[in-house]
Amino acid sequence: MAVNKVVKYLLFTFNFLFFISGAVILGVSVHAMISRAEYQITDELLPPVQLLVCVGTVTLVFGFLACCGAIGENRCLLVLFFLGLLGLLILLLSVGVLGALARTEDAQSALAAHLETLRPLGNAPQEVRESFGSLERAGKCCGFSIGHEDWGNSSLAVPDSCNCTDVARNCTELDGRQVYATPCLPYLMTWLDCLSDILMGVAFAFAAMMVLGMAFSLTMLCQISGGKAGVI
């Protein structure tokens, strides 16, 4: 059951990198989920994140099993790895498609509609107000679609996070203080587009790696089954 040593160690090296990539994907997706929760983005608005968590977790497991299969020339583990890659490839292509859909006007309209349900922000739950405060400080903006009026009719409802601390920004006066005049929706849309780009990039780059992994594992399986020896 000898196999070509080059294929064997190439597959082991690839699977080790595959294992590391799974950890990276899991880390990126968990970070995306935390950021999504912070900005009050619902599951429907960014569905690829859950899929990436699943892909990253499964990749860690399959990467470890594949390393064992490559070193031990274990046919069962290699078959499991090949089938696992095929399933993950389908999932990752789904992530890429869903990431592209998240950039569409329908997704942006859904986000705007979701935010409208939170008005006035001054009456929203504390965690929502804190999330918008973080968003306003990061984006140097106020409210989400109109401006400070999204917080309510009273100027007392407008938080300090709306205070204009950058004179170069578009500011307006509100009862003796300067607040940002620009709403946060454009900033949030830009953030969502960047996150979608990252998700799609990770998905398609990793899909290309999977095709190589499937080719290596299939080659090694054929050599194991045929009893072909490689002399280096």
Protein backbone atom coordinates (compact mmCIF):
# COMPACT_ATOMS: atom_id res chain seq x y z
CA MET A 1 0.00 0.00 0.00
CA ALA A 2 2.90 2.31 -0.85
CA VAL A 3 2.22 5.70 -2.34
CA ASN A 4 4.29 8.40 -3.95
CA LYS A 5 6.09 10.18 -1.12
CA VAL A 6 5.81 13.56 -2.81
CA VAL A 7 2.02 13.24 -2.98
CA LYS A 8 1.92 11.95 0.59
CA TYR A 9 3.84 14.84 2.13
CA LEU A 10 2.26 17.43 -0.13
CA LEU A 11 -1.13 16.23 1.08
CA PHE A 12 0.01 16.32 4.71
CA THR A 13 1.38 19.87 4.30
CA PHE A 14 -1.78 20.97 2.54
CA ASN A 15 -3.97 19.47 5.25
CA PHE A 16 -1.96 21.19 7.98
CA LEU A 17 -2.48 24.51 6.18
CA PHE A 18 -6.10 23.49 5.76
CA PHE A 19 -6.35 23.03 9.54
CA ILE A 20 -4.82 26.48 10.15
CA SER A 21 -7.18 28.01 7.56
CA GLY A 22 -10.13 26.52 9.41
CA ALA A 23 -9.01 28.28 12.57
CA VAL A 24 -8.70 31.56 10.64
CA ILE A 25 -12.17 31.18 9.10
CA LEU A 26 -13.66 30.40 12.50
CA GLY A 27 -11.97 33.46 14.00
CA VAL A 28 -13.13 35.77 11.19
CA SER A 29 -16.71 34.49 11.34
CA VAL A 30 -16.92 34.79 15.13
CA HIS A 31 -15.59 38.35 14.90
CA ALA A 32 -18.19 39.09 12.22
CA MET A 33 -20.95 37.71 14.44
CA ILE A 34 -19.82 39.89 17.35
CA SER A 35 -19.66 42.97 15.12
CA ARG A 36 -23.05 42.15 13.61
CA ALA A 37 -24.63 41.87 17.06
CA GLU A 38 -23.01 45.14 18.12
CA TYR A 39 -24.55 46.98 15.17
CA GLN A 40 -27.97 45.31 15.59
CA ILE A 41 -27.79 43.44 12.27
CA THR A 42 -30.17 40.49 12.14
CA ASP A 43 -29.50 36.99 10.82
CA GLU A 44 -31.53 37.68 7.70
CA LEU A 45 -29.32 40.63 6.76
CA LEU A 46 -26.02 38.75 6.92
CA PRO A 47 -26.70 35.00 6.55
CA PRO A 48 -23.19 33.93 5.40
CA VAL A 49 -21.78 34.39 8.90
CA GLN A 50 -23.54 31.34 10.35
CA LEU A 51 -22.39 29.24 7.42
CA LEU A 52 -18.79 30.35 7.91
CA VAL A 53 -18.91 29.37 11.58
CA CYS A 54 -20.05 25.91 10.49
CA VAL A 55 -17.41 25.72 7.75
CA GLY A 56 -14.60 26.83 10.06
CA THR A 57 -15.52 24.32 12.76
CA VAL A 58 -15.87 21.40 10.36
CA THR A 59 -12.65 22.39 8.60
CA LEU A 60 -10.69 22.10 11.85
CA VAL A 61 -11.98 18.56 12.36
CA PHE A 62 -11.45 17.43 8.76
CA GLY A 63 -8.01 19.03 8.60
CA PHE A 64 -6.89 17.01 11.61
CA LEU A 65 -8.38 13.77 10.28
CA ALA A 66 -6.82 14.35 6.87
CA CYS A 67 -3.36 14.86 8.39
CA CYS A 68 -3.73 11.52 10.15
CA GLY A 69 -4.99 9.89 6.97
CA ALA A 70 -2.11 11.22 4.87
CA ILE A 71 0.64 10.14 7.27
CA GLY A 72 -0.93 6.75 8.02
CA GLU A 73 -2.08 6.21 4.42
CA ASN A 74 -5.52 5.47 5.83
CA ARG A 75 -7.97 4.98 2.98
CA CYS A 76 -11.10 5.47 5.13
CA LEU A 77 -9.90 8.80 6.50
CA LEU A 78 -8.94 10.00 3.02
CA VAL A 79 -12.36 9.05 1.64
CA LEU A 80 -13.99 10.88 4.56
CA PHE A 81 -11.77 13.88 3.87
CA PHE A 82 -12.66 13.90 0.16
CA LEU A 83 -16.41 13.73 0.86
CA GLY A 84 -16.06 16.36 3.57
CA LEU A 85 -14.28 18.70 1.17
CA LEU A 86 -17.03 18.21 -1.38
CA GLY A 87 -19.67 19.17 1.18
CA LEU A 88 -17.66 22.14 2.43
CA LEU A 89 -17.11 23.30 -1.14
CA ILE A 90 -20.87 23.47 -1.66
CA LEU A 91 -21.26 25.37 1.63
CA LEU A 92 -18.53 27.85 0.74
CA LEU A 93 -20.04 28.54 -2.67
CA SER A 94 -23.30 29.22 -0.84
CA VAL A 95 -21.44 31.68 1.42
CA GLY A 96 -20.09 33.47 -1.63
CA VAL A 97 -23.51 33.71 -3.25
CA LEU A 98 -25.17 34.89 -0.02
CA GLY A 99 -22.37 37.39 0.50
CA ALA A 100 -23.08 38.80 -2.95
CA LEU A 101 -26.79 38.95 -2.20
CA ALA A 102 -26.04 40.91 1.00
CA ARG A 103 -24.77 43.74 -1.23
CA THR A 104 -28.00 44.06 -3.19
CA GLU A 105 -30.49 46.90 -2.85
CA ASP A 106 -33.02 44.49 -1.34
CA ALA A 107 -30.65 43.67 1.52
CA GLN A 108 -29.92 47.35 2.10
CA SER A 109 -33.65 48.12 2.07
CA ALA A 110 -34.20 45.33 4.60
CA LEU A 111 -31.55 46.85 6.86
CA ALA A 112 -33.14 50.29 6.62
CA ALA A 113 -36.58 48.82 7.36
CA HIS A 114 -35.19 46.97 10.38
CA LEU A 115 -33.66 50.17 11.75
CA GLU A 116 -36.94 52.02 11.26
CA THR A 117 -38.57 49.67 13.76
CA LEU A 118 -36.18 50.97 16.42
CA ARG A 119 -37.37 54.58 16.20
CA PRO A 120 -37.33 56.64 18.29
CA LEU A 121 -33.96 55.47 19.49
CA GLY A 122 -34.45 57.31 22.77
CA ASN A 123 -37.16 54.78 23.70
CA ALA A 124 -35.23 51.73 22.49
CA PRO A 125 -33.77 49.17 24.95
CA GLN A 126 -30.52 50.14 26.63
CA GLU A 127 -28.40 47.65 24.66
CA VAL A 128 -29.71 49.13 21.40
CA ARG A 129 -28.89 52.67 22.54
CA GLU A 130 -25.41 51.58 23.59
CA SER A 131 -24.87 49.86 20.24
CA PHE A 132 -25.89 52.97 18.33
CA GLY A 133 -23.66 55.06 20.58
CA SER A 134 -20.69 52.90 19.58
CA LEU A 135 -21.73 53.15 15.92
CA GLU A 136 -22.03 56.95 16.09
CA ARG A 137 -18.62 57.36 17.70
CA ALA A 138 -17.02 55.07 15.11
CA GLY A 139 -18.75 56.61 12.09
CA LYS A 140 -18.87 60.20 13.38
CA CYS A 141 -22.57 60.34 12.62
CA CYS A 142 -25.90 60.65 14.43
CA GLY A 143 -29.09 58.61 14.11
CA PHE A 144 -29.49 56.36 11.10
CA SER A 145 -31.70 57.85 8.38
CA ILE A 146 -32.66 61.41 9.32
CA GLY A 147 -30.06 62.46 11.86
CA HIS A 148 -30.45 63.46 15.49
CA GLU A 149 -34.25 63.43 15.05
CA ASP A 150 -34.08 59.63 14.98
CA TRP A 151 -33.49 59.79 18.73
CA GLY A 152 -36.75 61.64 19.34
CA ASN A 153 -38.25 65.12 19.33
CA SER A 154 -36.47 66.21 22.51
CA SER A 155 -32.85 67.31 22.33
CA LEU A 156 -32.34 65.69 25.73
CA ALA A 157 -32.83 62.29 24.08
CA VAL A 158 -29.84 62.85 21.78
CA PRO A 159 -26.80 61.18 23.43
CA ASP A 160 -23.29 62.56 23.81
CA SER A 161 -22.12 60.13 21.11
CA CYS A 162 -23.73 62.52 18.60
CA ASN A 163 -21.60 65.45 19.79
CA CYS A 164 -19.50 66.77 16.93
CA THR A 165 -15.86 66.44 18.00
CA ASP A 166 -14.44 66.85 14.50
CA VAL A 167 -14.90 70.35 13.07
CA ALA A 168 -14.11 69.04 9.60
CA ARG A 169 -17.28 66.95 9.69
CA ASN A 170 -20.78 68.05 8.73
CA CYS A 171 -22.21 69.37 12.01
CA THR A 172 -25.36 71.18 13.06
CA GLU A 173 -26.36 73.11 16.17
CA LEU A 174 -28.82 71.57 18.60
CA ASP A 175 -29.77 73.62 21.68
CA GLY A 176 -26.35 75.18 22.08
CA ARG A 177 -24.23 72.16 21.17
CA GLN A 178 -22.80 70.86 17.94
CA VAL A 179 -23.97 67.40 16.81
CA TYR A 180 -23.24 65.40 13.68
CA ALA A 181 -25.69 66.19 10.90
CA THR A 182 -24.86 63.07 8.87
CA PRO A 183 -26.95 59.96 9.65
CA CYS A 184 -25.20 56.62 10.22
CA LEU A 185 -26.99 54.56 7.57
CA PRO A 186 -24.41 55.26 4.80
CA TYR A 187 -21.58 54.34 7.18
CA LEU A 188 -23.38 51.15 8.19
CA MET A 189 -24.01 50.23 4.55
CA THR A 190 -20.32 50.72 3.76
CA TRP A 191 -19.38 48.54 6.73
CA LEU A 192 -21.81 45.85 5.57
CA ASP A 193 -20.36 45.94 2.04
CA CYS A 194 -16.80 45.59 3.39
CA LEU A 195 -17.81 42.65 5.55
CA SER A 196 -19.56 41.02 2.59
CA ASP A 197 -16.40 41.48 0.49
CA ILE A 198 -14.33 39.77 3.18
CA LEU A 199 -16.78 36.88 3.43
CA MET A 200 -16.85 36.38 -0.34
CA GLY A 201 -13.07 36.63 -0.62
CA VAL A 202 -12.52 34.06 2.13
CA ALA A 203 -15.16 31.75 0.66
CA PHE A 204 -13.88 31.70 -2.93
CA ALA A 205 -10.17 31.59 -1.98
CA PHE A 206 -10.80 28.69 0.35
CA ALA A 207 -12.92 26.97 -2.30
CA ALA A 208 -9.92 27.03 -4.64
CA MET A 209 -7.80 25.41 -1.92
CA MET A 210 -10.44 22.72 -1.50
CA VAL A 211 -10.29 21.79 -5.18
CA LEU A 212 -6.52 21.24 -4.81
CA GLY A 213 -7.06 19.21 -1.65
CA MET A 214 -9.62 17.01 -3.39
CA ALA A 215 -7.18 16.44 -6.27
CA PHE A 216 -4.35 15.47 -3.88
CA SER A 217 -6.54 13.15 -1.82
CA LEU A 218 -8.02 11.49 -4.92
CA THR A 219 -4.51 10.92 -6.33
CA MET A 220 -3.36 9.33 -3.08
CA LEU A 221 -6.51 7.19 -2.89
CA CYS A 222 -5.88 5.89 -6.40
CA GLN A 223 -2.29 5.03 -5.52
CA ILE A 224 -3.35 3.25 -2.32
CA SER A 225 -6.06 1.29 -4.14
CA GLY A 226 -3.79 0.40 -7.05
CA GLY A 227 -0.81 -0.40 -4.87
CA LYS A 228 1.41 1.89 -6.93
CA ALA A 229 4.75 2.75 -5.44
CA GLY A 230 6.52 6.01 -6.04
CA VAL A 231 10.25 6.09 -5.89
CA ILE A 232 11.83 9.47 -5.20
